[in-house]
N, C-alpha and C. Protein backbone atom coordinates (compact mmCIF):
# COMPACT_ATOMS: atom_id res chain seq x y z
N MET A 1 13.00 109.99 30.43
CA MET A 1 13.25 108.73 29.74
C MET A 1 13.91 107.74 30.70
N CYS A 2 13.46 106.49 30.67
CA CYS A 2 13.92 105.49 31.62
C CYS A 2 15.42 105.25 31.51
N ALA A 3 15.96 105.23 30.28
CA ALA A 3 17.39 104.95 30.11
C ALA A 3 18.25 106.02 30.77
N ILE A 4 17.81 107.27 30.71
CA ILE A 4 18.57 108.34 31.36
C ILE A 4 18.54 108.15 32.87
N ALA A 5 17.38 107.77 33.41
CA ALA A 5 17.28 107.52 34.85
C ALA A 5 18.18 106.37 35.27
N VAL A 6 18.24 105.33 34.46
CA VAL A 6 19.12 104.20 34.75
C VAL A 6 20.57 104.66 34.74
N GLY A 7 20.93 105.47 33.71
CA GLY A 7 22.29 105.99 33.64
C GLY A 7 22.65 106.85 34.83
N THR A 8 21.70 107.66 35.27
CA THR A 8 21.95 108.52 36.43
C THR A 8 22.18 107.70 37.69
N SER A 9 21.45 106.60 37.81
CA SER A 9 21.64 105.70 38.95
C SER A 9 23.04 105.11 38.94
N HIS A 10 23.49 104.65 37.76
CA HIS A 10 24.85 104.11 37.65
C HIS A 10 25.88 105.21 37.92
N PHE A 11 25.64 106.41 37.40
CA PHE A 11 26.57 107.52 37.58
C PHE A 11 26.73 107.84 39.07
N SER A 12 25.61 107.87 39.79
CA SER A 12 25.65 108.17 41.22
C SER A 12 26.43 107.13 42.01
N ALA A 13 26.43 105.89 41.49
CA ALA A 13 27.16 104.81 42.15
C ALA A 13 28.58 104.66 41.59
N ASN A 14 28.99 105.63 40.77
CA ASN A 14 30.33 105.65 40.18
C ASN A 14 30.58 104.48 39.22
N ARG A 15 29.50 103.94 38.66
CA ARG A 15 29.63 102.91 37.62
C ARG A 15 29.58 103.64 36.26
N LEU A 16 30.65 104.31 35.94
CA LEU A 16 30.60 105.27 34.84
C LEU A 16 30.49 104.59 33.47
N ASP A 17 31.11 103.42 33.31
CA ASP A 17 30.99 102.71 32.03
C ASP A 17 29.53 102.33 31.76
N ARG A 18 28.86 101.82 32.79
CA ARG A 18 27.46 101.43 32.63
C ARG A 18 26.57 102.65 32.46
N ALA A 19 26.93 103.74 33.14
CA ALA A 19 26.17 104.98 32.95
C ALA A 19 26.26 105.45 31.51
N MET A 20 27.47 105.40 30.94
CA MET A 20 27.65 105.83 29.56
C MET A 20 26.85 104.95 28.60
N GLU A 21 26.82 103.66 28.85
CA GLU A 21 26.02 102.75 28.00
C GLU A 21 24.55 103.15 28.03
N ALA A 22 24.04 103.43 29.22
CA ALA A 22 22.63 103.79 29.35
C ALA A 22 22.35 105.13 28.66
N TYR A 23 23.25 106.09 28.83
CA TYR A 23 23.05 107.40 28.21
C TYR A 23 23.08 107.29 26.68
N ARG A 24 23.96 106.47 26.16
CA ARG A 24 24.03 106.29 24.70
C ARG A 24 22.78 105.57 24.17
N GLU A 25 22.28 104.64 24.96
CA GLU A 25 21.01 104.00 24.59
C GLU A 25 19.89 105.03 24.58
N ALA A 26 19.87 105.90 25.58
CA ALA A 26 18.86 106.95 25.63
C ALA A 26 18.98 107.88 24.43
N LEU A 27 20.21 108.21 24.04
CA LEU A 27 20.42 109.09 22.90
C LEU A 27 19.90 108.45 21.62
N ALA A 28 20.19 107.17 21.42
CA ALA A 28 19.72 106.48 20.22
C ALA A 28 18.20 106.48 20.16
N LEU A 29 17.55 106.21 21.30
CA LEU A 29 16.09 106.21 21.34
C LEU A 29 15.53 107.61 21.06
N ALA A 30 16.16 108.62 21.62
CA ALA A 30 15.70 109.99 21.41
C ALA A 30 15.83 110.40 19.95
N ILE A 31 16.92 109.97 19.31
CA ILE A 31 17.09 110.28 17.88
C ILE A 31 16.02 109.58 17.06
N ASP A 32 15.73 108.32 17.39
CA ASP A 32 14.67 107.58 16.68
C ASP A 32 13.32 108.28 16.84
N LEU A 33 13.10 108.83 18.02
CA LEU A 33 11.83 109.52 18.29
C LEU A 33 11.80 110.95 17.76
N LYS A 34 12.97 111.42 17.29
CA LYS A 34 13.11 112.81 16.83
C LYS A 34 12.63 113.78 17.90
N ALA A 35 13.17 113.56 19.10
CA ALA A 35 12.77 114.35 20.27
C ALA A 35 13.95 115.23 20.71
N PRO A 36 14.01 116.49 20.26
CA PRO A 36 15.18 117.34 20.54
C PRO A 36 15.49 117.50 22.02
N ARG A 37 14.47 117.63 22.85
CA ARG A 37 14.74 117.85 24.28
C ARG A 37 15.35 116.60 24.92
N LEU A 38 14.87 115.43 24.51
CA LEU A 38 15.46 114.20 25.04
C LEU A 38 16.88 114.02 24.50
N ILE A 39 17.11 114.40 23.25
CA ILE A 39 18.47 114.37 22.70
C ILE A 39 19.38 115.26 23.52
N MET A 40 18.89 116.45 23.84
CA MET A 40 19.68 117.38 24.65
C MET A 40 20.03 116.79 26.00
N GLN A 41 19.05 116.18 26.67
CA GLN A 41 19.29 115.61 27.99
C GLN A 41 20.32 114.47 27.92
N ALA A 42 20.19 113.64 26.89
CA ALA A 42 21.12 112.52 26.75
C ALA A 42 22.54 113.01 26.44
N GLU A 43 22.65 113.99 25.54
CA GLU A 43 23.97 114.53 25.20
C GLU A 43 24.61 115.20 26.42
N LEU A 44 23.80 115.90 27.20
CA LEU A 44 24.32 116.55 28.39
C LEU A 44 24.86 115.51 29.38
N ALA A 45 24.13 114.42 29.55
CA ALA A 45 24.58 113.36 30.45
C ALA A 45 25.86 112.71 29.94
N ILE A 46 25.94 112.50 28.64
CA ILE A 46 27.15 111.92 28.04
C ILE A 46 28.33 112.87 28.25
N ALA A 47 28.10 114.16 28.01
CA ALA A 47 29.18 115.14 28.17
C ALA A 47 29.69 115.17 29.61
N THR A 48 28.76 115.15 30.56
CA THR A 48 29.15 115.20 31.97
C THR A 48 29.96 113.98 32.36
N THR A 49 29.61 112.83 31.81
CA THR A 49 30.35 111.60 32.10
C THR A 49 31.75 111.67 31.52
N HIS A 50 31.85 112.16 30.29
CA HIS A 50 33.19 112.33 29.70
C HIS A 50 34.04 113.28 30.53
N LEU A 51 33.44 114.36 31.00
CA LEU A 51 34.18 115.33 31.81
C LEU A 51 34.64 114.72 33.12
N THR A 52 33.79 113.88 33.70
CA THR A 52 34.12 113.25 34.98
C THR A 52 35.34 112.35 34.86
N VAL A 53 35.45 111.65 33.72
CA VAL A 53 36.60 110.76 33.53
C VAL A 53 37.76 111.48 32.85
N LYS A 54 37.64 112.79 32.70
CA LYS A 54 38.69 113.66 32.15
C LYS A 54 39.01 113.37 30.68
N ASP A 55 38.00 112.92 29.95
CA ASP A 55 38.13 112.82 28.50
C ASP A 55 37.66 114.15 27.94
N TYR A 56 38.51 115.14 27.99
CA TYR A 56 38.09 116.51 27.72
C TYR A 56 37.68 116.76 26.27
N PRO A 57 38.39 116.23 25.26
CA PRO A 57 37.93 116.44 23.88
C PRO A 57 36.53 115.87 23.64
N ALA A 58 36.27 114.65 24.17
CA ALA A 58 34.95 114.05 23.99
C ALA A 58 33.89 114.86 24.75
N ALA A 59 34.24 115.36 25.92
CA ALA A 59 33.30 116.17 26.69
C ALA A 59 32.94 117.44 25.93
N ARG A 60 33.96 118.11 25.38
CA ARG A 60 33.69 119.35 24.65
C ARG A 60 32.81 119.09 23.43
N ALA A 61 33.07 117.98 22.74
CA ALA A 61 32.25 117.64 21.57
C ALA A 61 30.80 117.38 21.96
N ALA A 62 30.61 116.67 23.07
CA ALA A 62 29.24 116.37 23.51
C ALA A 62 28.53 117.63 24.01
N TYR A 63 29.26 118.52 24.67
CA TYR A 63 28.63 119.79 25.07
C TYR A 63 28.28 120.63 23.85
N GLY A 64 29.10 120.51 22.78
CA GLY A 64 28.76 121.20 21.54
C GLY A 64 27.47 120.68 20.94
N ARG A 65 27.28 119.37 20.99
CA ARG A 65 26.02 118.79 20.50
C ARG A 65 24.86 119.17 21.41
N THR A 66 25.12 119.27 22.70
CA THR A 66 24.09 119.71 23.63
C THR A 66 23.63 121.12 23.27
N TYR A 67 24.59 121.98 22.97
CA TYR A 67 24.27 123.36 22.58
C TYR A 67 23.34 123.39 21.37
N LEU A 68 23.64 122.58 20.37
CA LEU A 68 22.81 122.55 19.16
C LEU A 68 21.41 122.01 19.46
N ALA A 69 21.35 120.96 20.30
CA ALA A 69 20.06 120.36 20.62
C ALA A 69 19.21 121.28 21.50
N ALA A 70 19.86 122.27 22.15
CA ALA A 70 19.14 123.17 23.06
C ALA A 70 18.67 124.44 22.36
N ALA A 71 18.58 124.40 21.04
CA ALA A 71 18.11 125.58 20.29
C ALA A 71 16.76 126.04 20.85
N GLY A 72 16.67 127.33 21.14
CA GLY A 72 15.44 127.88 21.72
C GLY A 72 15.43 127.88 23.23
N LEU A 73 16.47 127.31 23.83
CA LEU A 73 16.59 127.29 25.30
C LEU A 73 17.89 128.00 25.68
N PRO A 74 17.89 129.32 25.73
CA PRO A 74 19.15 130.05 25.93
C PRO A 74 19.87 129.72 27.21
N THR A 75 19.14 129.45 28.28
CA THR A 75 19.83 129.14 29.53
C THR A 75 20.58 127.81 29.43
N MET A 76 20.02 126.85 28.70
CA MET A 76 20.71 125.58 28.51
C MET A 76 21.91 125.75 27.60
N GLN A 77 21.79 126.64 26.61
CA GLN A 77 22.92 126.89 25.73
C GLN A 77 24.05 127.58 26.48
N ILE A 78 23.71 128.47 27.41
CA ILE A 78 24.74 129.09 28.25
C ILE A 78 25.52 128.00 29.00
N GLU A 79 24.76 127.08 29.59
CA GLU A 79 25.39 126.01 30.37
C GLU A 79 26.30 125.16 29.48
N ALA A 80 25.84 124.84 28.26
CA ALA A 80 26.64 124.01 27.36
C ALA A 80 27.95 124.72 27.00
N LEU A 81 27.88 126.01 26.71
CA LEU A 81 29.09 126.76 26.38
C LEU A 81 30.00 126.91 27.59
N ARG A 82 29.39 127.13 28.75
CA ARG A 82 30.20 127.24 29.97
C ARG A 82 30.99 125.96 30.21
N MET A 83 30.34 124.82 30.03
CA MET A 83 31.01 123.56 30.28
C MET A 83 31.99 123.20 29.18
N GLN A 84 31.74 123.65 27.94
CA GLN A 84 32.77 123.50 26.91
C GLN A 84 34.04 124.20 27.35
N GLY A 85 33.88 125.38 27.93
CA GLY A 85 35.03 126.10 28.45
C GLY A 85 35.76 125.33 29.52
N GLU A 86 35.01 124.66 30.40
CA GLU A 86 35.65 123.86 31.45
C GLU A 86 36.44 122.70 30.84
N GLY A 87 35.97 122.19 29.69
CA GLY A 87 36.74 121.16 28.98
C GLY A 87 38.09 121.70 28.55
N PHE A 88 38.09 122.93 28.02
CA PHE A 88 39.37 123.55 27.65
C PHE A 88 40.25 123.75 28.88
N ILE A 89 39.64 124.16 30.00
CA ILE A 89 40.40 124.34 31.23
C ILE A 89 41.05 123.02 31.65
N GLY A 90 40.31 121.92 31.50
CA GLY A 90 40.88 120.61 31.83
C GLY A 90 42.09 120.28 30.99
N GLU A 91 42.13 120.81 29.77
CA GLU A 91 43.27 120.60 28.88
C GLU A 91 44.34 121.68 29.07
N GLN A 92 44.17 122.49 30.10
CA GLN A 92 45.09 123.59 30.42
C GLN A 92 45.17 124.59 29.26
N ASN A 93 44.03 124.85 28.67
CA ASN A 93 43.94 125.78 27.54
C ASN A 93 43.00 126.92 27.94
N SER A 94 43.50 127.83 28.76
CA SER A 94 42.64 128.88 29.27
C SER A 94 42.25 129.89 28.19
N ALA A 95 43.11 130.05 27.17
CA ALA A 95 42.81 131.02 26.12
C ALA A 95 41.52 130.66 25.39
N ASP A 96 41.37 129.39 24.98
CA ASP A 96 40.15 128.97 24.28
C ASP A 96 38.95 128.94 25.22
N ALA A 97 39.20 128.63 26.50
CA ALA A 97 38.10 128.68 27.47
C ALA A 97 37.54 130.09 27.58
N VAL A 98 38.42 131.07 27.69
CA VAL A 98 37.97 132.45 27.79
C VAL A 98 37.23 132.87 26.53
N LEU A 99 37.72 132.46 25.36
CA LEU A 99 37.06 132.82 24.11
C LEU A 99 35.64 132.27 24.05
N ILE A 100 35.45 131.02 24.45
CA ILE A 100 34.11 130.44 24.35
C ILE A 100 33.19 131.02 25.41
N TRP A 101 33.73 131.39 26.57
CA TRP A 101 32.90 132.04 27.60
C TRP A 101 32.49 133.44 27.14
N LEU A 102 33.40 134.14 26.47
CA LEU A 102 33.03 135.45 25.92
C LEU A 102 31.97 135.31 24.84
N ARG A 103 32.10 134.27 24.04
CA ARG A 103 31.07 133.99 23.02
C ARG A 103 29.72 133.78 23.68
N ALA A 104 29.70 133.04 24.78
CA ALA A 104 28.44 132.80 25.48
C ALA A 104 27.83 134.11 25.95
N LEU A 105 28.66 134.98 26.51
CA LEU A 105 28.14 136.27 26.97
C LEU A 105 27.61 137.10 25.82
N ASP A 106 28.31 137.07 24.68
CA ASP A 106 27.85 137.82 23.51
C ASP A 106 26.49 137.32 23.03
N GLU A 107 26.33 135.99 23.05
CA GLU A 107 25.09 135.41 22.53
C GLU A 107 23.89 135.73 23.41
N VAL A 108 24.12 135.81 24.71
CA VAL A 108 22.98 136.01 25.60
C VAL A 108 22.79 137.46 26.00
N GLU A 109 23.69 138.35 25.57
CA GLU A 109 23.57 139.75 25.97
C GLU A 109 22.19 140.34 25.68
N PRO A 110 21.60 140.08 24.48
CA PRO A 110 20.26 140.64 24.24
C PRO A 110 19.19 140.08 25.18
N LEU A 111 19.48 138.92 25.79
CA LEU A 111 18.51 138.28 26.66
C LEU A 111 18.81 138.52 28.14
N GLU A 112 19.77 139.40 28.42
CA GLU A 112 20.28 139.54 29.79
C GLU A 112 19.18 139.76 30.83
N PRO A 113 18.18 140.60 30.58
CA PRO A 113 17.16 140.76 31.63
C PRO A 113 16.48 139.44 32.00
N MET A 114 16.38 138.54 31.02
CA MET A 114 15.70 137.27 31.27
C MET A 114 16.61 136.26 31.97
N VAL A 115 17.92 136.31 31.65
CA VAL A 115 18.82 135.27 32.15
C VAL A 115 19.73 135.74 33.27
N ALA A 116 19.64 137.02 33.65
CA ALA A 116 20.59 137.57 34.62
C ALA A 116 20.59 136.81 35.94
N GLY A 117 19.46 136.26 36.33
CA GLY A 117 19.40 135.55 37.60
C GLY A 117 19.66 134.06 37.49
N VAL A 118 19.91 133.57 36.28
CA VAL A 118 20.11 132.14 36.07
C VAL A 118 21.49 131.73 36.59
N THR A 119 21.54 130.62 37.29
CA THR A 119 22.79 130.17 37.91
C THR A 119 23.91 130.04 36.89
N SER A 120 23.63 129.43 35.74
CA SER A 120 24.68 129.23 34.73
C SER A 120 25.25 130.55 34.26
N TYR A 121 24.40 131.56 34.12
CA TYR A 121 24.85 132.87 33.66
C TYR A 121 25.77 133.52 34.70
N ARG A 122 25.38 133.43 35.97
CA ARG A 122 26.22 134.01 37.02
C ARG A 122 27.54 133.26 37.14
N MET A 123 27.50 131.94 37.00
CA MET A 123 28.72 131.14 37.10
C MET A 123 29.65 131.44 35.93
N LEU A 124 29.07 131.70 34.76
CA LEU A 124 29.87 132.02 33.58
C LEU A 124 30.70 133.27 33.84
N GLY A 125 30.05 134.31 34.35
CA GLY A 125 30.77 135.53 34.67
C GLY A 125 31.83 135.30 35.74
N LYS A 126 31.50 134.48 36.72
CA LYS A 126 32.45 134.21 37.80
C LYS A 126 33.68 133.49 37.28
N ARG A 127 33.49 132.51 36.38
CA ARG A 127 34.62 131.77 35.84
C ARG A 127 35.52 132.67 34.99
N LEU A 128 34.91 133.56 34.22
CA LEU A 128 35.71 134.52 33.45
C LEU A 128 36.53 135.39 34.39
N GLU A 129 35.90 135.87 35.44
CA GLU A 129 36.60 136.72 36.39
C GLU A 129 37.75 135.96 37.05
N GLN A 130 37.50 134.72 37.42
CA GLN A 130 38.54 133.92 38.05
C GLN A 130 39.72 133.70 37.11
N GLU A 131 39.41 133.37 35.86
CA GLU A 131 40.47 133.01 34.93
C GLU A 131 41.31 134.22 34.54
N LEU A 132 40.66 135.37 34.34
CA LEU A 132 41.39 136.57 33.93
C LEU A 132 42.04 137.27 35.13
N ALA A 133 41.22 137.62 36.12
CA ALA A 133 41.76 138.34 37.27
C ALA A 133 42.62 137.44 38.14
N GLY A 134 42.22 136.17 38.27
CA GLY A 134 42.96 135.26 39.13
C GLY A 134 44.38 135.04 38.65
N SER A 135 44.58 134.91 37.34
CA SER A 135 45.92 134.71 36.81
C SER A 135 46.79 135.94 37.05
N LEU A 136 46.20 137.12 36.85
CA LEU A 136 46.96 138.35 37.09
C LEU A 136 47.33 138.48 38.57
N LEU A 137 46.37 138.15 39.44
CA LEU A 137 46.63 138.23 40.88
C LEU A 137 47.74 137.27 41.29
N MET A 138 47.71 136.05 40.75
CA MET A 138 48.74 135.09 41.13
C MET A 138 50.11 135.54 40.66
N GLU A 139 50.19 136.17 39.49
CA GLU A 139 51.49 136.68 39.04
C GLU A 139 52.00 137.75 40.00
N ARG A 140 51.09 138.57 40.53
CA ARG A 140 51.50 139.57 41.53
C ARG A 140 52.00 138.89 42.80
N ILE A 141 51.28 137.84 43.22
CA ILE A 141 51.68 137.12 44.43
C ILE A 141 53.06 136.51 44.24
N LYS A 142 53.31 135.96 43.06
CA LYS A 142 54.62 135.37 42.78
C LYS A 142 55.73 136.42 42.94
N ARG A 143 55.49 137.61 42.40
CA ARG A 143 56.51 138.66 42.50
C ARG A 143 56.69 139.10 43.95
N TRP A 144 55.57 139.21 44.67
CA TRP A 144 55.61 139.64 46.07
C TRP A 144 56.39 138.64 46.93
N ALA A 145 56.24 137.34 46.62
CA ALA A 145 56.85 136.29 47.44
C ALA A 145 58.20 135.83 46.91
N LEU A 146 58.79 136.60 46.02
CA LEU A 146 60.02 136.17 45.36
C LEU A 146 61.13 135.84 46.36
N ALA A 147 61.24 136.63 47.41
CA ALA A 147 62.32 136.42 48.37
C ALA A 147 62.19 135.12 49.13
N ALA A 148 60.99 134.54 49.13
CA ALA A 148 60.76 133.30 49.89
C ALA A 148 61.18 132.06 49.12
N ASP A 149 61.56 132.19 47.84
CA ASP A 149 62.02 131.10 46.98
C ASP A 149 60.90 130.20 46.47
N GLU A 150 59.79 130.09 47.19
CA GLU A 150 58.74 129.19 46.74
C GLU A 150 57.41 129.55 47.39
N LEU A 151 56.31 129.09 46.77
CA LEU A 151 54.96 129.27 47.29
C LEU A 151 54.33 127.91 47.50
N TRP A 152 53.45 127.80 48.52
CA TRP A 152 52.84 126.52 48.87
C TRP A 152 51.33 126.68 49.09
N PRO A 153 50.52 126.93 48.08
CA PRO A 153 49.06 126.97 48.29
C PRO A 153 48.49 125.56 48.43
N THR A 154 47.29 125.47 49.00
CA THR A 154 46.57 124.20 49.08
C THR A 154 45.28 124.31 48.27
N SER A 155 44.79 123.17 47.79
CA SER A 155 43.61 123.20 46.92
C SER A 155 42.98 121.81 46.90
N TYR A 156 41.85 121.71 46.18
CA TYR A 156 41.24 120.41 45.91
C TYR A 156 41.83 119.86 44.61
N GLY A 157 42.45 118.71 44.68
CA GLY A 157 43.11 118.16 43.50
C GLY A 157 42.16 117.61 42.47
N HIS A 158 40.93 117.23 42.87
CA HIS A 158 40.02 116.56 41.94
C HIS A 158 39.05 117.53 41.26
N VAL A 159 39.07 118.81 41.64
CA VAL A 159 38.14 119.79 41.07
C VAL A 159 38.77 120.40 39.82
N VAL A 160 38.02 120.34 38.71
CA VAL A 160 38.60 120.74 37.42
C VAL A 160 39.21 122.14 37.44
N PRO A 161 38.54 123.19 37.97
CA PRO A 161 39.17 124.50 37.88
C PRO A 161 40.33 124.73 38.84
N ASN A 162 40.54 123.88 39.81
CA ASN A 162 41.50 124.18 40.87
C ASN A 162 42.93 123.76 40.54
N ARG A 163 43.21 122.46 40.69
CA ARG A 163 44.59 122.00 40.45
C ARG A 163 45.09 122.35 39.05
N PRO A 164 44.30 122.14 37.97
CA PRO A 164 44.80 122.52 36.64
C PRO A 164 45.13 124.00 36.53
N TRP A 165 44.36 124.84 37.21
CA TRP A 165 44.63 126.29 37.16
C TRP A 165 46.00 126.58 37.76
N TYR A 166 46.29 126.01 38.92
CA TYR A 166 47.61 126.20 39.52
C TYR A 166 48.71 125.64 38.61
N GLU A 167 48.45 124.47 38.00
CA GLU A 167 49.48 123.86 37.15
C GLU A 167 49.79 124.72 35.93
N ARG A 168 48.76 125.38 35.39
CA ARG A 168 49.02 126.26 34.24
C ARG A 168 49.90 127.43 34.63
N LEU A 169 49.89 127.79 35.91
CA LEU A 169 50.70 128.92 36.39
C LEU A 169 52.06 128.47 36.94
N GLY A 170 52.38 127.20 36.72
CA GLY A 170 53.71 126.72 37.08
C GLY A 170 53.82 125.97 38.39
N PHE A 171 52.69 125.74 39.09
CA PHE A 171 52.72 124.99 40.34
C PHE A 171 52.66 123.49 40.06
N ARG A 172 53.18 122.69 41.00
CA ARG A 172 53.12 121.24 40.89
C ARG A 172 52.71 120.65 42.23
N CYS A 173 52.03 119.51 42.19
CA CYS A 173 51.66 118.82 43.44
C CYS A 173 52.93 118.41 44.18
N ALA A 174 52.89 118.52 45.50
CA ALA A 174 54.07 118.21 46.30
C ALA A 174 53.68 117.50 47.57
N ASP A 175 54.64 116.82 48.15
CA ASP A 175 54.45 116.14 49.43
C ASP A 175 54.40 117.21 50.52
N PRO A 176 53.32 117.29 51.31
CA PRO A 176 53.24 118.32 52.35
C PRO A 176 54.35 118.23 53.38
N GLU A 177 54.93 117.04 53.54
CA GLU A 177 56.00 116.90 54.53
C GLU A 177 57.23 117.72 54.14
N LEU A 178 57.35 118.06 52.85
CA LEU A 178 58.49 118.86 52.41
C LEU A 178 58.33 120.33 52.76
N ALA A 179 57.11 120.73 53.14
CA ALA A 179 56.82 122.15 53.35
C ALA A 179 57.11 122.63 54.76
N GLY A 180 57.34 121.72 55.67
CA GLY A 180 57.61 122.14 57.03
C GLY A 180 56.39 122.05 57.93
N PRO A 181 56.57 122.22 59.22
CA PRO A 181 55.49 121.99 60.19
C PRO A 181 54.33 122.97 60.09
N GLU A 182 54.57 124.21 59.70
CA GLU A 182 53.47 125.19 59.64
C GLU A 182 52.44 124.79 58.60
N LEU A 183 52.89 124.47 57.39
CA LEU A 183 51.94 124.08 56.35
C LEU A 183 51.29 122.74 56.68
N GLN A 184 52.04 121.84 57.27
CA GLN A 184 51.45 120.56 57.67
C GLN A 184 50.31 120.78 58.66
N ALA A 185 50.46 121.75 59.54
CA ALA A 185 49.39 122.05 60.50
C ALA A 185 48.17 122.63 59.79
N ILE A 186 48.40 123.47 58.77
CA ILE A 186 47.29 124.03 57.99
C ILE A 186 46.53 122.92 57.28
N ILE A 187 47.27 122.02 56.65
CA ILE A 187 46.63 120.89 55.94
C ILE A 187 45.82 120.05 56.91
N ALA A 188 46.35 119.80 58.08
CA ALA A 188 45.63 118.99 59.08
C ALA A 188 44.32 119.67 59.47
N LYS A 189 44.34 121.00 59.67
CA LYS A 189 43.12 121.72 60.01
C LYS A 189 42.11 121.68 58.87
N GLU A 190 42.59 121.85 57.63
CA GLU A 190 41.68 121.80 56.48
C GLU A 190 41.02 120.43 56.37
N ARG A 191 41.81 119.40 56.53
CA ARG A 191 41.27 118.04 56.38
C ARG A 191 40.31 117.70 57.50
N ALA A 192 40.44 118.36 58.63
CA ALA A 192 39.52 118.14 59.73
C ALA A 192 38.21 118.90 59.54
N ALA A 193 38.26 120.01 58.81
CA ALA A 193 37.10 120.89 58.72
C ALA A 193 36.37 120.84 57.39
N LEU A 194 37.07 120.51 56.30
CA LEU A 194 36.49 120.62 54.97
C LEU A 194 35.95 119.27 54.48
N PRO A 195 34.96 119.30 53.59
CA PRO A 195 34.47 118.04 53.00
C PRO A 195 35.51 117.44 52.07
N GLU A 196 35.39 116.13 51.83
CA GLU A 196 36.31 115.40 50.95
C GLU A 196 37.76 115.71 51.33
N ALA A 197 38.06 115.50 52.59
CA ALA A 197 39.35 115.90 53.13
C ALA A 197 40.52 115.24 52.40
N GLY A 198 40.34 114.00 52.00
CA GLY A 198 41.43 113.30 51.34
C GLY A 198 41.80 113.86 49.99
N SER A 199 40.95 114.72 49.44
CA SER A 199 41.22 115.29 48.12
C SER A 199 42.01 116.59 48.20
N ARG A 200 42.29 117.08 49.42
CA ARG A 200 43.10 118.29 49.54
C ARG A 200 44.55 117.98 49.15
N VAL A 201 45.13 118.83 48.33
CA VAL A 201 46.51 118.63 47.90
C VAL A 201 47.32 119.90 48.16
N VAL A 202 48.61 119.73 48.21
CA VAL A 202 49.54 120.86 48.35
C VAL A 202 50.17 121.12 46.99
N MET A 203 50.14 122.38 46.57
CA MET A 203 50.77 122.80 45.32
C MET A 203 52.04 123.59 45.67
N ARG A 204 53.05 123.45 44.84
CA ARG A 204 54.32 124.11 45.11
C ARG A 204 54.83 124.83 43.87
N TYR A 205 55.23 126.08 44.07
CA TYR A 205 55.85 126.85 42.98
C TYR A 205 57.26 127.22 43.42
N GLN A 206 58.25 126.84 42.61
CA GLN A 206 59.64 127.16 42.90
C GLN A 206 60.14 128.16 41.86
N TYR A 207 60.81 129.18 42.33
CA TYR A 207 61.37 130.18 41.43
C TYR A 207 62.67 129.64 40.84
N ASP A 208 62.80 129.73 39.53
CA ASP A 208 64.06 129.36 38.92
C ASP A 208 64.96 130.58 38.85
N LYS A 209 66.20 130.35 38.56
CA LYS A 209 67.17 131.45 38.57
C LYS A 209 66.89 132.52 37.53
N PRO A 210 66.48 132.16 36.29
CA PRO A 210 66.17 133.20 35.32
C PRO A 210 65.05 134.12 35.77
N SER A 211 63.97 133.54 36.37
CA SER A 211 62.83 134.36 36.78
C SER A 211 63.22 135.27 37.92
N ARG A 212 64.12 134.81 38.84
CA ARG A 212 64.56 135.64 39.95
C ARG A 212 65.37 136.83 39.44
N SER A 213 66.25 136.57 38.49
CA SER A 213 67.11 137.65 38.02
C SER A 213 66.37 138.66 37.16
N SER A 214 65.25 138.19 36.54
CA SER A 214 64.51 139.10 35.65
C SER A 214 63.46 139.91 36.37
N ALA A 215 63.14 139.53 37.64
CA ALA A 215 62.08 140.22 38.37
C ALA A 215 62.58 141.55 38.92
C-alpha cells in the first residue's frame, strides 16, 4: 500500500510524526477495504513507531492489534507477542514480559517443527534466556564484586533491552570521568570500534550499607 511506503520513507528519515500520520491513513484505508493483511502491516508499523518514541503502552496495544490481525500467520503472531514483551521491558516490567513470551512459546509449541528456524522464534527464546538467566547472573556478579563497592558496566543507552535491563537491576547512568582512567580507556576503545559510538553509556551500581551487611 502506498501510504505504508510513504510512512516508511518518513520513518527512515526520522520524521516520526509524519510517519505515524501515513501509517494511520494506511490503517483507515485497509479497514475500509476489509483487508486483514494490510491492517496487520499498518498496525505493525504503528506499533514500531510507538516503540521507537518510547510510548510503551501505545506500542503494546498496537502489537496486540497486530496479533489479532495476523490470525492464521503464526510467525507474525510470534513477532507481535515478542514485541509486546519488549514494550513491558521498556516499562521496566520484566515479569509481564516473561509471561507474554511464555504465552508465545505455548501457542506455537504445536507448530515448532514449522517455526523452529524462524528468526522471531529464535529471538523469543533468546530474550527469555537473557531476562531469566541474565538477571540471576548479574546478582551473582554483584555478590562477587561486593568488596569493590561498585560495578561499572558499559552498554548502548538507546537500545530497549540494554539500559532499562541494567536500571531494573539497580544500575544508573554515570559520567565515565567518575570511573577513573581504566574505564575511560575502555570507553574510548569501544567508541572507536563499535557502531553508533555516541550511544555508548556507562552504568554504575553502588552497594548500599544494608546490602553489604546482609550479603
